[in-house]
Amino acid sequence: MITSIVLIKTDVDRIPEIAETIAALEGVSEVYSVTGAYDLIALVRVARHDDLAEVIPGRISKVPGVASTETHIAFRTYSQHDLEAAFAIGLEA
């Protein structure tokens, strides 16, 4: 699983609407509204690096109101929450 953190600048008047639209996109696991230089942070989780191109420039950047994005690809996971979730995939009956 490849995890990417996408920092997003948006039209400030439309943050809730844009966040909900992005959160509904396939490959996007979470979206947070934040303080600072960016308006939203999206966590993108995909199976292959090629899938990042489909999700980030292919979907997120095309959402009306998204002005720009900056993407960071995670190398390792140190969170127990993420590790437990990864091992739980496919174990549900």
PDB file of N, CA and C in Angstrom:
ATOM      1  N   MET A   1       0.849  -1.170   0.000  1.00  0.00           N
ATOM      2  CA  MET A   1       0.000   0.000   0.000  1.00  0.00           C
ATOM      3  C   MET A   1       0.896   1.234   0.000  1.00  0.00           C
ATOM      4  N   ILE A   2       0.630   2.155  -0.900  1.00  0.00           N
ATOM      5  CA  ILE A   2       1.382   3.403  -0.998  1.00  0.00           C
ATOM      6  C   ILE A   2       0.522   4.510  -0.412  1.00  0.00           C
ATOM      7  N   THR A   3       1.104   5.249   0.508  1.00  0.00           N
ATOM      8  CA  THR A   3       0.391   6.353   1.147  1.00  0.00           C
ATOM      9  C   THR A   3       1.010   7.664   0.705  1.00  0.00           C
ATOM     10  N   SER A   4       0.150   8.602   0.345  1.00  0.00           N
ATOM     11  CA  SER A   4       0.586   9.915  -0.077  1.00  0.00           C
ATOM     12  C   SER A   4      -0.182  10.970   0.715  1.00  0.00           C
ATOM     13  N   ILE A   5       0.518  12.006   1.133  1.00  0.00           N
ATOM     14  CA  ILE A   5      -0.101  13.127   1.838  1.00  0.00           C
ATOM     15  C   ILE A   5      -0.174  14.266   0.831  1.00  0.00           C
ATOM     16  N   VAL A   6      -1.390  14.748   0.576  1.00  0.00           N
ATOM     17  CA  VAL A   6      -1.584  15.784  -0.430  1.00  0.00           C
ATOM     18  C   VAL A   6      -2.042  17.061   0.266  1.00  0.00           C
ATOM     19  N   LEU A   7      -1.220  18.109   0.159  1.00  0.00           N
ATOM     20  CA  LEU A   7      -1.546  19.416   0.703  1.00  0.00           C
ATOM     21  C   LEU A   7      -2.284  20.188  -0.384  1.00  0.00           C
ATOM     22  N   ILE A   8      -3.435  20.762  -0.029  1.00  0.00           N
ATOM     23  CA  ILE A   8      -4.318  21.335  -1.042  1.00  0.00           C
ATOM     24  C   ILE A   8      -4.696  22.772  -0.701  1.00  0.00           C
ATOM     25  N   LYS A   9      -4.540  23.669  -1.680  1.00  0.00           N
ATOM     26  CA  LYS A   9      -5.028  25.046  -1.563  1.00  0.00           C
ATOM     27  C   LYS A   9      -6.334  25.126  -2.348  1.00  0.00           C
ATOM     28  N   THR A  10      -7.337  25.766  -1.744  1.00  0.00           N
ATOM     29  CA  THR A  10      -8.663  25.827  -2.357  1.00  0.00           C
ATOM     30  C   THR A  10      -9.230  27.235  -2.301  1.00  0.00           C
ATOM     31  N   ASP A  11     -10.396  27.401  -2.918  1.00  0.00           N
ATOM     32  CA  ASP A  11     -11.192  28.605  -2.713  1.00  0.00           C
ATOM     33  C   ASP A  11     -11.693  28.548  -1.279  1.00  0.00           C
ATOM     34  N   VAL A  12     -11.300  29.512  -0.456  1.00  0.00           N
ATOM     35  CA  VAL A  12     -11.599  29.468   0.978  1.00  0.00           C
ATOM     36  C   VAL A  12     -13.102  29.416   1.245  1.00  0.00           C
ATOM     37  N   ASP A  13     -13.891  30.068   0.442  1.00  0.00           N
ATOM     38  CA  ASP A  13     -15.344  30.089   0.650  1.00  0.00           C
ATOM     39  C   ASP A  13     -15.997  28.738   0.403  1.00  0.00           C
ATOM     40  N   ARG A  14     -15.272  27.809  -0.206  1.00  0.00           N
ATOM     41  CA  ARG A  14     -15.863  26.521  -0.591  1.00  0.00           C
ATOM     42  C   ARG A  14     -15.183  25.322   0.058  1.00  0.00           C
ATOM     43  N   ILE A  15     -14.425  25.540   1.123  1.00  0.00           N
ATOM     44  CA  ILE A  15     -13.652  24.456   1.740  1.00  0.00           C
ATOM     45  C   ILE A  15     -14.511  23.238   2.093  1.00  0.00           C
ATOM     46  N   PRO A  16     -15.651  23.391   2.798  1.00  0.00           N
ATOM     47  CA  PRO A  16     -16.427  22.192   3.146  1.00  0.00           C
ATOM     48  C   PRO A  16     -16.899  21.394   1.923  1.00  0.00           C
ATOM     49  N   GLU A  17     -17.386  22.084   0.925  1.00  0.00           N
ATOM     50  CA  GLU A  17     -17.882  21.431  -0.297  1.00  0.00           C
ATOM     51  C   GLU A  17     -16.743  20.712  -1.027  1.00  0.00           C
ATOM     52  N   ILE A  18     -15.601  21.376  -1.156  1.00  0.00           N
ATOM     53  CA  ILE A  18     -14.456  20.784  -1.836  1.00  0.00           C
ATOM     54  C   ILE A  18     -13.939  19.586  -1.053  1.00  0.00           C
ATOM     55  N   ALA A  19     -13.866  19.705   0.267  1.00  0.00           N
ATOM     56  CA  ALA A  19     -13.389  18.600   1.114  1.00  0.00           C
ATOM     57  C   ALA A  19     -14.283  17.374   0.966  1.00  0.00           C
ATOM     58  N   GLU A  20     -15.584  17.565   0.954  1.00  0.00           N
ATOM     59  CA  GLU A  20     -16.505  16.438   0.802  1.00  0.00           C
ATOM     60  C   GLU A  20     -16.361  15.784  -0.564  1.00  0.00           C
ATOM     61  N   THR A  21     -16.177  16.592  -1.594  1.00  0.00           N
ATOM     62  CA  THR A  21     -15.987  16.052  -2.947  1.00  0.00           C
ATOM     63  C   THR A  21     -14.713  15.220  -3.018  1.00  0.00           C
ATOM     64  N   ILE A  22     -13.625  15.734  -2.447  1.00  0.00           N
ATOM     65  CA  ILE A  22     -12.356  15.006  -2.467  1.00  0.00           C
ATOM     66  C   ILE A  22     -12.458  13.728  -1.638  1.00  0.00           C
ATOM     67  N   ALA A  23     -13.102  13.809  -0.478  1.00  0.00           N
ATOM     68  CA  ALA A  23     -13.232  12.640   0.400  1.00  0.00           C
ATOM     69  C   ALA A  23     -13.992  11.499  -0.278  1.00  0.00           C
ATOM     70  N   ALA A  24     -14.862  11.828  -1.211  1.00  0.00           N
ATOM     71  CA  ALA A  24     -15.652  10.808  -1.906  1.00  0.00           C
ATOM     72  C   ALA A  24     -14.905  10.156  -3.070  1.00  0.00           C
ATOM     73  N   LEU A  25     -13.727  10.660  -3.409  1.00  0.00           N
ATOM     74  CA  LEU A  25     -12.970  10.112  -4.537  1.00  0.00           C
ATOM     75  C   LEU A  25     -12.337   8.768  -4.172  1.00  0.00           C
ATOM     76  N   GLU A  26     -12.342   7.860  -5.128  1.00  0.00           N
ATOM     77  CA  GLU A  26     -11.686   6.565  -4.926  1.00  0.00           C
ATOM     78  C   GLU A  26     -10.195   6.781  -4.725  1.00  0.00           C
ATOM     79  N   GLY A  27      -9.640   6.140  -3.707  1.00  0.00           N
ATOM     80  CA  GLY A  27      -8.230   6.279  -3.390  1.00  0.00           C
ATOM     81  C   GLY A  27      -7.958   7.266  -2.271  1.00  0.00           C
ATOM     82  N   VAL A  28      -8.916   8.123  -1.965  1.00  0.00           N
ATOM     83  CA  VAL A  28      -8.760   9.087  -0.880  1.00  0.00           C
ATOM     84  C   VAL A  28      -9.351   8.476   0.380  1.00  0.00           C
ATOM     85  N   SER A  29      -8.516   8.319   1.423  1.00  0.00           N
ATOM     86  CA  SER A  29      -9.006   7.694   2.650  1.00  0.00           C
ATOM     87  C   SER A  29      -9.482   8.701   3.674  1.00  0.00           C
ATOM     88  N   GLU A  30      -8.883   9.889   3.702  1.00  0.00           N
ATOM     89  CA  GLU A  30      -9.255  10.903   4.685  1.00  0.00           C
ATOM     90  C   GLU A  30      -8.965  12.282   4.130  1.00  0.00           C
ATOM     91  N   VAL A  31      -9.742  13.271   4.582  1.00  0.00           N
ATOM     92  CA  VAL A  31      -9.496  14.671   4.244  1.00  0.00           C
ATOM     93  C   VAL A  31      -9.669  15.490   5.514  1.00  0.00           C
ATOM     94  N   TYR A  32      -8.709  16.376   5.776  1.00  0.00           N
ATOM     95  CA  TYR A  32      -8.747  17.227   6.960  1.00  0.00           C
ATOM     96  C   TYR A  32      -8.709  18.691   6.535  1.00  0.00           C
ATOM     97  N   SER A  33      -9.513  19.533   7.162  1.00  0.00           N
ATOM     98  CA  SER A  33      -9.334  20.975   7.010  1.00  0.00           C
ATOM     99  C   SER A  33      -8.310  21.378   8.064  1.00  0.00           C
ATOM    100  N   VAL A  34      -7.384  22.259   7.689  1.00  0.00           N
ATOM    101  CA  VAL A  34      -6.259  22.578   8.564  1.00  0.00           C
ATOM    102  C   VAL A  34      -5.971  24.078   8.561  1.00  0.00           C
ATOM    103  N   THR A  35      -5.164  24.501   9.534  1.00  0.00           N
ATOM    104  CA  THR A  35      -4.676  25.871   9.559  1.00  0.00           C
ATOM    105  C   THR A  35      -3.343  25.921   8.824  1.00  0.00           C
ATOM    106  N   GLY A  36      -2.911  27.109   8.513  1.00  0.00           N
ATOM    107  CA  GLY A  36      -1.607  27.263   7.873  1.00  0.00           C
ATOM    108  C   GLY A  36      -1.714  27.637   6.410  1.00  0.00           C
ATOM    109  N   ALA A  37      -0.667  27.355   5.683  1.00  0.00           N
ATOM    110  CA  ALA A  37      -0.570  27.761   4.277  1.00  0.00           C
ATOM    111  C   ALA A  37      -1.514  26.990   3.359  1.00  0.00           C
ATOM    112  N   TYR A  38      -1.966  25.815   3.797  1.00  0.00           N
ATOM    113  CA  TYR A  38      -2.868  24.995   2.991  1.00  0.00           C
ATOM    114  C   TYR A  38      -4.230  24.937   3.663  1.00  0.00           C
ATOM    115  N   ASP A  39      -5.245  24.627   2.881  1.00  0.00           N
ATOM    116  CA  ASP A  39      -6.613  24.584   3.396  1.00  0.00           C
ATOM    117  C   ASP A  39      -7.054  23.179   3.765  1.00  0.00           C
ATOM    118  N   LEU A  40      -6.574  22.192   3.006  1.00  0.00           N
ATOM    119  CA  LEU A  40      -6.954  20.794   3.223  1.00  0.00           C
ATOM    120  C   LEU A  40      -5.727  19.898   3.134  1.00  0.00           C
ATOM    121  N   ILE A  41      -5.792  18.778   3.831  1.00  0.00           N
ATOM    122  CA  ILE A  41      -4.809  17.711   3.672  1.00  0.00           C
ATOM    123  C   ILE A  41      -5.581  16.433   3.392  1.00  0.00           C
ATOM    124  N   ALA A  42      -5.220  15.761   2.309  1.00  0.00           N
ATOM    125  CA  ALA A  42      -5.865  14.496   1.944  1.00  0.00           C
ATOM    126  C   ALA A  42      -4.841  13.372   2.055  1.00  0.00           C
ATOM    127  N   LEU A  43      -5.279  12.239   2.601  1.00  0.00           N
ATOM    128  CA  LEU A  43      -4.456  11.043   2.613  1.00  0.00           C
ATOM    129  C   LEU A  43      -4.935  10.146   1.483  1.00  0.00           C
ATOM    130  N   VAL A  44      -4.022   9.810   0.611  1.00  0.00           N
ATOM    131  CA  VAL A  44      -4.329   8.966  -0.546  1.00  0.00           C
ATOM    132  C   VAL A  44      -3.616   7.643  -0.330  1.00  0.00           C
ATOM    133  N   ARG A  45      -4.364   6.554  -0.448  1.00  0.00           N
ATOM    134  CA  ARG A  45      -3.790   5.211  -0.284  1.00  0.00           C
ATOM    135  C   ARG A  45      -4.145   4.393  -1.526  1.00  0.00           C
ATOM    136  N   VAL A  46      -3.105   3.947  -2.221  1.00  0.00           N
ATOM    137  CA  VAL A  46      -3.294   3.188  -3.463  1.00  0.00           C
ATOM    138  C   VAL A  46      -2.364   1.985  -3.478  1.00  0.00           C
ATOM    139  N   ALA A  47      -2.620   1.070  -4.376  1.00  0.00           N
ATOM    140  CA  ALA A  47      -1.827  -0.152  -4.471  1.00  0.00           C
ATOM    141  C   ALA A  47      -0.521   0.052  -5.235  1.00  0.00           C
ATOM    142  N   ARG A  48      -0.539   0.918  -6.245  1.00  0.00           N
ATOM    143  CA  ARG A  48       0.634   1.079  -7.109  1.00  0.00           C
ATOM    144  C   ARG A  48       0.962   2.563  -7.291  1.00  0.00           C
ATOM    145  N   HIS A  49       2.234   2.859  -7.566  1.00  0.00           N
ATOM    146  CA  HIS A  49       2.631   4.242  -7.799  1.00  0.00           C
ATOM    147  C   HIS A  49       1.861   4.858  -8.976  1.00  0.00           C
ATOM    148  N   ASP A  50       1.627   4.065 -10.011  1.00  0.00           N
ATOM    149  CA  ASP A  50       0.893   4.576 -11.171  1.00  0.00           C
ATOM    150  C   ASP A  50      -0.501   5.067 -10.781  1.00  0.00           C
ATOM    151  N   ASP A  51      -1.085   4.463  -9.746  1.00  0.00           N
ATOM    152  CA  ASP A  51      -2.414   4.871  -9.303  1.00  0.00           C
ATOM    153  C   ASP A  51      -2.419   6.286  -8.725  1.00  0.00           C
ATOM    154  N   LEU A  52      -1.266   6.741  -8.215  1.00  0.00           N
ATOM    155  CA  LEU A  52      -1.193   8.107  -7.691  1.00  0.00           C
ATOM    156  C   LEU A  52      -1.517   9.127  -8.771  1.00  0.00           C
ATOM    157  N   ALA A  53      -1.053   8.876  -9.987  1.00  0.00           N
ATOM    158  CA  ALA A  53      -1.314   9.795 -11.098  1.00  0.00           C
ATOM    159  C   ALA A  53      -2.805   9.875 -11.415  1.00  0.00           C
ATOM    160  N   GLU A  54      -3.483   8.762 -11.273  1.00  0.00           N
ATOM    161  CA  GLU A  54      -4.926   8.772 -11.516  1.00  0.00           C
ATOM    162  C   GLU A  54      -5.669   9.549 -10.449  1.00  0.00           C
ATOM    163  N   VAL A  55      -5.240   9.406  -9.202  1.00  0.00           N
ATOM    164  CA  VAL A  55      -5.967  10.029  -8.096  1.00  0.00           C
ATOM    165  C   VAL A  55      -5.619  11.504  -7.930  1.00  0.00           C
ATOM    166  N   ILE A  56      -4.331  11.842  -7.921  1.00  0.00           N
ATOM    167  CA  ILE A  56      -3.950  13.219  -7.560  1.00  0.00           C
ATOM    168  C   ILE A  56      -4.138  14.182  -8.738  1.00  0.00           C
ATOM    169  N   PRO A  57      -3.339  14.100  -9.795  1.00  0.00           N
ATOM    170  CA  PRO A  57      -3.622  15.032 -10.896  1.00  0.00           C
ATOM    171  C   PRO A  57      -4.876  14.659 -11.680  1.00  0.00           C
ATOM    172  N   GLY A  58      -5.215  13.378 -11.678  1.00  0.00           N
ATOM    173  CA  GLY A  58      -6.370  12.934 -12.461  1.00  0.00           C
ATOM    174  C   GLY A  58      -7.713  13.232 -11.841  1.00  0.00           C
ATOM    175  N   ARG A  59      -7.787  13.270 -10.508  1.00  0.00           N
ATOM    176  CA  ARG A  59      -9.071  13.506  -9.842  1.00  0.00           C
ATOM    177  C   ARG A  59      -9.036  14.710  -8.906  1.00  0.00           C
ATOM    178  N   ILE A  60      -8.124  14.689  -7.922  1.00  0.00           N
ATOM    179  CA  ILE A  60      -8.114  15.764  -6.916  1.00  0.00           C
ATOM    180  C   ILE A  60      -7.894  17.126  -7.563  1.00  0.00           C
ATOM    181  N   SER A  61      -6.893  17.242  -8.412  1.00  0.00           N
ATOM    182  CA  SER A  61      -6.575  18.533  -9.028  1.00  0.00           C
ATOM    183  C   SER A  61      -7.680  19.049  -9.939  1.00  0.00           C
ATOM    184  N   LYS A  62      -8.547  18.159 -10.384  1.00  0.00           N
ATOM    185  CA  LYS A  62      -9.639  18.559 -11.283  1.00  0.00           C
ATOM    186  C   LYS A  62     -10.921  18.931 -10.552  1.00  0.00           C
ATOM    187  N   VAL A  63     -10.942  18.809  -9.230  1.00  0.00           N
ATOM    188  CA  VAL A  63     -12.125  19.202  -8.464  1.00  0.00           C
ATOM    189  C   VAL A  63     -12.260  20.719  -8.556  1.00  0.00           C
ATOM    190  N   PRO A  64     -13.421  21.219  -8.965  1.00  0.00           N
ATOM    191  CA  PRO A  64     -13.613  22.672  -9.044  1.00  0.00           C
ATOM    192  C   PRO A  64     -13.335  23.328  -7.694  1.00  0.00           C
ATOM    193  N   GLY A  65     -12.502  24.358  -7.720  1.00  0.00           N
ATOM    194  CA  GLY A  65     -12.142  25.068  -6.498  1.00  0.00           C
ATOM    195  C   GLY A  65     -10.775  24.707  -5.958  1.00  0.00           C
ATOM    196  N   VAL A  66     -10.165  23.631  -6.468  1.00  0.00           N
ATOM    197  CA  VAL A  66      -8.806  23.276  -6.059  1.00  0.00           C
ATOM    198  C   VAL A  66      -7.843  24.156  -6.861  1.00  0.00           C
ATOM    199  N   ALA A  67      -7.068  24.975  -6.130  1.00  0.00           N
ATOM    200  CA  ALA A  67      -6.138  25.894  -6.790  1.00  0.00           C
ATOM    201  C   ALA A  67      -4.787  25.240  -7.045  1.00  0.00           C
ATOM    202  N   SER A  68      -4.297  24.445  -6.083  1.00  0.00           N
ATOM    203  CA  SER A  68      -3.003  23.779  -6.255  1.00  0.00           C
ATOM    204  C   SER A  68      -2.863  22.654  -5.242  1.00  0.00           C
ATOM    205  N   THR A  69      -1.921  21.754  -5.523  1.00  0.00           N
ATOM    206  CA  THR A  69      -1.628  20.653  -4.605  1.00  0.00           C
ATOM    207  C   THR A  69      -0.117  20.509  -4.466  1.00  0.00           C
ATOM    208  N   GLU A  70       0.289  19.949  -3.345  1.00  0.00           N
ATOM    209  CA  GLU A  70       1.684  19.568  -3.117  1.00  0.00           C
ATOM    210  C   GLU A  70       1.641  18.170  -2.525  1.00  0.00           C
ATOM    211  N   THR A  71       2.357  17.245  -3.125  1.00  0.00           N
ATOM    212  CA  THR A  71       2.252  15.842  -2.743  1.00  0.00           C
ATOM    213  C   THR A  71       3.528  15.345  -2.077  1.00  0.00           C
ATOM    214  N   HIS A  72       3.343  14.594  -0.983  1.00  0.00           N
ATOM    215  CA  HIS A  72       4.436  13.950  -0.271  1.00  0.00           C
ATOM    216  C   HIS A  72       4.133  12.460  -0.208  1.00  0.00           C
ATOM    217  N   ILE A  73       5.077  11.625  -0.635  1.00  0.00           N
ATOM    218  CA  ILE A  73       4.883  10.182  -0.605  1.00  0.00           C
ATOM    219  C   ILE A  73       5.569   9.633   0.639  1.00  0.00           C
ATOM    220  N   ALA A  74       4.829   8.841   1.405  1.00  0.00           N
ATOM    221  CA  ALA A  74       5.362   8.261   2.640  1.00  0.00           C
ATOM    222  C   ALA A  74       6.282   7.086   2.319  1.00  0.00           C
ATOM    223  N   PHE A  75       7.406   6.999   3.033  1.00  0.00           N
ATOM    224  CA  PHE A  75       8.333   5.880   2.880  1.00  0.00           C
ATOM    225  C   PHE A  75       7.983   4.729   3.809  1.00  0.00           C
ATOM    226  N   ARG A  76       7.743   5.050   5.091  1.00  0.00           N
ATOM    227  CA  ARG A  76       7.468   4.038   6.106  1.00  0.00           C
ATOM    228  C   ARG A  76       6.324   4.484   6.985  1.00  0.00           C
ATOM    229  N   THR A  77       5.673   3.506   7.604  1.00  0.00           N
ATOM    230  CA  THR A  77       4.612   3.777   8.569  1.00  0.00           C
ATOM    231  C   THR A  77       5.123   3.442   9.957  1.00  0.00           C
ATOM    232  N   TYR A  78       4.940   4.372  10.885  1.00  0.00           N
ATOM    233  CA  TYR A  78       5.357   4.155  12.262  1.00  0.00           C
ATOM    234  C   TYR A  78       4.169   4.108  13.211  1.00  0.00           C
ATOM    235  N   SER A  79       2.976   4.343  12.705  1.00  0.00           N
ATOM    236  CA  SER A  79       1.771   4.356  13.519  1.00  0.00           C
ATOM    237  C   SER A  79       1.238   2.945  13.709  1.00  0.00           C
ATOM    238  N   GLN A  80       0.956   2.550  14.942  1.00  0.00           N
ATOM    239  CA  GLN A  80       0.367   1.239  15.214  1.00  0.00           C
ATOM    240  C   GLN A  80      -1.003   1.116  14.562  1.00  0.00           C
ATOM    241  N   HIS A  81      -1.747   2.213  14.530  1.00  0.00           N
ATOM    242  CA  HIS A  81      -3.074   2.201  13.911  1.00  0.00           C
ATOM    243  C   HIS A  81      -2.979   1.763  12.449  1.00  0.00           C
ATOM    244  N   ASP A  82      -2.049   2.333  11.705  1.00  0.00           N
ATOM    245  CA  ASP A  82      -1.890   1.992  10.294  1.00  0.00           C
ATOM    246  C   ASP A  82      -1.393   0.561  10.121  1.00  0.00           C
ATOM    247  N   LEU A  83      -0.478   0.127  10.978  1.00  0.00           N
ATOM    248  CA  LEU A  83       0.031  -1.239  10.878  1.00  0.00           C
ATOM    249  C   LEU A  83      -1.062  -2.258  11.148  1.00  0.00           C
ATOM    250  N   GLU A  84      -1.890  -2.024  12.173  1.00  0.00           N
ATOM    251  CA  GLU A  84      -2.977  -2.943  12.493  1.00  0.00           C
ATOM    252  C   GLU A  84      -3.993  -2.988  11.366  1.00  0.00           C
ATOM    253  N   ALA A  85      -4.298  -1.846  10.779  1.00  0.00           N
ATOM    254  CA  ALA A  85      -5.258  -1.803   9.678  1.00  0.00           C
ATOM    255  C   ALA A  85      -4.724  -2.557   8.464  1.00  0.00           C
ATOM    256  N   ALA A  86      -3.437  -2.444   8.186  1.00  0.00           N
ATOM    257  CA  ALA A  86      -2.854  -3.135   7.036  1.00  0.00           C
ATOM    258  C   ALA A  86      -2.922  -4.643   7.206  1.00  0.00           C
ATOM    259  N   PHE A  87      -2.670  -5.140   8.429  1.00  0.00           N
ATOM    260  CA  PHE A  87      -2.702  -6.575   8.660  1.00  0.00           C
ATOM    261  C   PHE A  87      -4.129  -7.113   8.723  1.00  0.00           C
ATOM    262  N   ALA A  88      -5.106  -6.251   8.969  1.00  0.00           N
ATOM    263  CA  ALA A  88      -6.496  -6.673   9.078  1.00  0.00           C
ATOM    264  C   ALA A  88      -7.186  -6.796   7.717  1.00  0.00           C
ATOM    265  N   ILE A  89      -6.564  -6.306   6.668  1.00  0.00           N
ATOM    266  CA  ILE A  89      -7.184  -6.337   5.342  1.00  0.00           C
ATOM    267  C   ILE A  89      -7.425  -7.780   4.938  1.00  0.00           C
ATOM    268  N   GLY A  90      -8.649  -8.057   4.556  1.00  0.00           N
ATOM    269  CA  GLY A  90      -9.009  -9.375   4.073  1.00  0.00           C
ATOM    270  C   GLY A  90      -9.339 -10.379   5.153  1.00  0.00           C
ATOM    271  N   LEU A  91      -9.278  -9.985   6.407  1.00  0.00           N
ATOM    272  CA  LEU A  91      -9.561 -10.929   7.480  1.00  0.00           C
ATOM    273  C   LEU A  91     -11.008 -10.890   7.944  1.00  0.00           C
ATOM    274  N   GLU A  92     -11.766  -9.950   7.428  1.00  0.00           N
ATOM    275  CA  GLU A  92     -13.176  -9.856   7.818  1.00  0.00           C
ATOM    276  C   GLU A  92     -13.974 -10.936   7.127  1.00  0.00           C
ATOM    277  N   ALA A  93     -14.946 -11.479   7.833  1.00  0.00           N
ATOM    278  CA  ALA A  93     -15.760 -12.552   7.266  1.00  0.00           C
ATOM    279  C   ALA A  93     -16.877 -12.007   6.412  1.00  0.00           C
TER     280      ALA A  93
END
